[in-house]
Amino acid sequence: MPRLEEAQGDTLQMNCAQAKGSVKGSGGIALKSGPNHFDLYHRSGGTCSRLGESMQPAFVRSKDNPVCFIGYTCEEDVGN
């Protein structure tokens, strides 16, 4: 799991297209999406590395869109 200081950008400072482009261009990137929130976002719904996790669509707040789809993130499976 990346650390907050490793985040490559802040979605609140980008428009939706820029945030989505950052994920698409890198394949997987850590981005801040709020004052104390960040996550690792992936361009495609592949496989998560931890057992009990699955790829889920990721929506973040951007400068121009409060519900911007930027890719996918690994989430703990419900019920595990």
C-alpha atoms as a PDB file:
ATOM      1  CA  MET A   1       0.000   0.000   0.000  1.00  0.00           C
ATOM      2  CA  PRO A   2       1.432   3.397  -0.943  1.00  0.00           C
ATOM      3  CA  ARG A   3       1.979   6.145   1.624  1.00  0.00           C
ATOM      4  CA  LEU A   4       0.291   9.547   1.427  1.00  0.00           C
ATOM      5  CA  GLU A   5       3.571  11.282   0.556  1.00  0.00           C
ATOM      6  CA  GLU A   6       3.895   8.995  -2.481  1.00  0.00           C
ATOM      7  CA  ALA A   7       0.677  10.330  -4.023  1.00  0.00           C
ATOM      8  CA  GLN A   8       1.326  11.646  -7.541  1.00  0.00           C
ATOM      9  CA  GLY A   9      -1.363  14.305  -7.533  1.00  0.00           C
ATOM     10  CA  ASP A  10      -4.555  15.589  -5.970  1.00  0.00           C
ATOM     11  CA  THR A  11      -7.833  14.979  -7.797  1.00  0.00           C
ATOM     12  CA  LEU A  12      -9.300  18.119  -6.173  1.00  0.00           C
ATOM     13  CA  GLN A  13      -6.745  20.153  -8.152  1.00  0.00           C
ATOM     14  CA  MET A  14      -7.468  18.364 -11.475  1.00  0.00           C
ATOM     15  CA  ASN A  15     -10.446  18.297 -13.760  1.00  0.00           C
ATOM     16  CA  CYS A  16     -12.017  14.873 -14.292  1.00  0.00           C
ATOM     17  CA  ALA A  17     -10.266  14.278 -17.628  1.00  0.00           C
ATOM     18  CA  GLN A  18      -6.854  15.053 -16.086  1.00  0.00           C
ATOM     19  CA  ALA A  19      -7.454  12.697 -13.147  1.00  0.00           C
ATOM     20  CA  LYS A  20      -8.645   9.919 -15.440  1.00  0.00           C
ATOM     21  CA  GLY A  21      -5.694  10.553 -17.784  1.00  0.00           C
ATOM     22  CA  SER A  22      -3.221  10.248 -14.890  1.00  0.00           C
ATOM     23  CA  VAL A  23      -4.561   6.794 -14.098  1.00  0.00           C
ATOM     24  CA  LYS A  24      -4.791   5.704 -17.733  1.00  0.00           C
ATOM     25  CA  GLY A  25      -1.275   6.900 -18.548  1.00  0.00           C
ATOM     26  CA  SER A  26       0.384   5.117 -15.658  1.00  0.00           C
ATOM     27  CA  GLY A  27      -1.628   1.910 -15.349  1.00  0.00           C
ATOM     28  CA  GLY A  28      -1.685   2.331 -11.579  1.00  0.00           C
ATOM     29  CA  ILE A  29      -1.077   5.472  -9.552  1.00  0.00           C
ATOM     30  CA  ALA A  30      -1.531   6.765  -6.021  1.00  0.00           C
ATOM     31  CA  LEU A  31      -3.631   9.936  -5.963  1.00  0.00           C
ATOM     32  CA  LYS A  32      -4.986  12.084  -3.166  1.00  0.00           C
ATOM     33  CA  SER A  33      -8.746  12.538  -3.395  1.00  0.00           C
ATOM     34  CA  GLY A  34      -9.352  14.598  -0.264  1.00  0.00           C
ATOM     35  CA  PRO A  35      -7.501  16.262   2.609  1.00  0.00           C
ATOM     36  CA  ASN A  36      -6.649  12.980   4.350  1.00  0.00           C
ATOM     37  CA  HIS A  37      -7.595  10.428   1.723  1.00  0.00           C
ATOM     38  CA  PHE A  38      -5.590   8.730  -0.990  1.00  0.00           C
ATOM     39  CA  ASP A  39      -5.674   5.408  -2.750  1.00  0.00           C
ATOM     40  CA  LEU A  40      -4.024   3.407  -5.489  1.00  0.00           C
ATOM     41  CA  TYR A  41      -6.073   3.629  -8.681  1.00  0.00           C
ATOM     42  CA  HIS A  42      -5.781   1.259 -11.656  1.00  0.00           C
ATOM     43  CA  ARG A  43      -6.808   1.824 -15.275  1.00  0.00           C
ATOM     44  CA  SER A  44      -8.479  -1.572 -15.699  1.00  0.00           C
ATOM     45  CA  GLY A  45     -10.366  -3.986 -13.525  1.00  0.00           C
ATOM     46  CA  GLY A  46      -7.704  -6.666 -13.195  1.00  0.00           C
ATOM     47  CA  THR A  47      -6.743  -8.699 -10.174  1.00  0.00           C
ATOM     48  CA  CYS A  48      -5.898  -7.431  -6.707  1.00  0.00           C
ATOM     49  CA  SER A  49      -2.800  -8.761  -5.002  1.00  0.00           C
ATOM     50  CA  ARG A  50      -4.360  -9.373  -1.578  1.00  0.00           C
ATOM     51  CA  LEU A  51      -6.600 -12.333  -0.864  1.00  0.00           C
ATOM     52  CA  GLY A  52     -10.145 -11.219  -0.084  1.00  0.00           C
ATOM     53  CA  GLU A  53      -9.998  -8.099  -2.264  1.00  0.00           C
ATOM     54  CA  SER A  54     -11.544  -7.398  -5.639  1.00  0.00           C
ATOM     55  CA  MET A  55     -11.439  -4.544  -8.143  1.00  0.00           C
ATOM     56  CA  GLN A  56     -14.241  -2.035  -7.806  1.00  0.00           C
ATOM     57  CA  PRO A  57     -15.042   1.055  -9.883  1.00  0.00           C
ATOM     58  CA  ALA A  58     -13.441   4.162  -8.357  1.00  0.00           C
ATOM     59  CA  PHE A  59     -15.207   7.513  -8.261  1.00  0.00           C
ATOM     60  CA  VAL A  60     -13.489  10.591  -6.817  1.00  0.00           C
ATOM     61  CA  ARG A  61     -14.212  14.288  -6.466  1.00  0.00           C
ATOM     62  CA  SER A  62     -12.384  16.397  -9.039  1.00  0.00           C
ATOM     63  CA  LYS A  63     -12.273  20.150  -9.675  1.00  0.00           C
ATOM     64  CA  ASP A  64     -15.180  19.955 -12.142  1.00  0.00           C
ATOM     65  CA  ASN A  65     -17.029  16.764 -11.190  1.00  0.00           C
ATOM     66  CA  PRO A  66     -18.069  15.544  -7.730  1.00  0.00           C
ATOM     67  CA  VAL A  67     -18.448  11.960  -9.034  1.00  0.00           C
ATOM     68  CA  CYS A  68     -15.606  11.386 -11.486  1.00  0.00           C
ATOM     69  CA  PHE A  69     -14.938   7.797 -12.613  1.00  0.00           C
ATOM     70  CA  ILE A  70     -11.152   7.437 -12.870  1.00  0.00           C
ATOM     71  CA  GLY A  71     -10.632   3.681 -12.956  1.00  0.00           C
ATOM     72  CA  TYR A  72     -10.601   0.956 -10.339  1.00  0.00           C
ATOM     73  CA  THR A  73      -9.329   0.328  -6.842  1.00  0.00           C
ATOM     74  CA  CYS A  74      -8.979  -2.793  -4.699  1.00  0.00           C
ATOM     75  CA  GLU A  75     -11.626  -3.135  -2.004  1.00  0.00           C
ATOM     76  CA  GLU A  76     -12.138  -5.758   0.651  1.00  0.00           C
ATOM     77  CA  ASP A  77     -14.818  -8.204  -0.406  1.00  0.00           C
ATOM     78  CA  VAL A  78     -18.044  -7.842   1.556  1.00  0.00           C
ATOM     79  CA  GLY A  79     -18.476 -10.738   3.958  1.00  0.00           C
ATOM     80  CA  ASN A  80     -14.761 -11.503   4.323  1.00  0.00           C
END
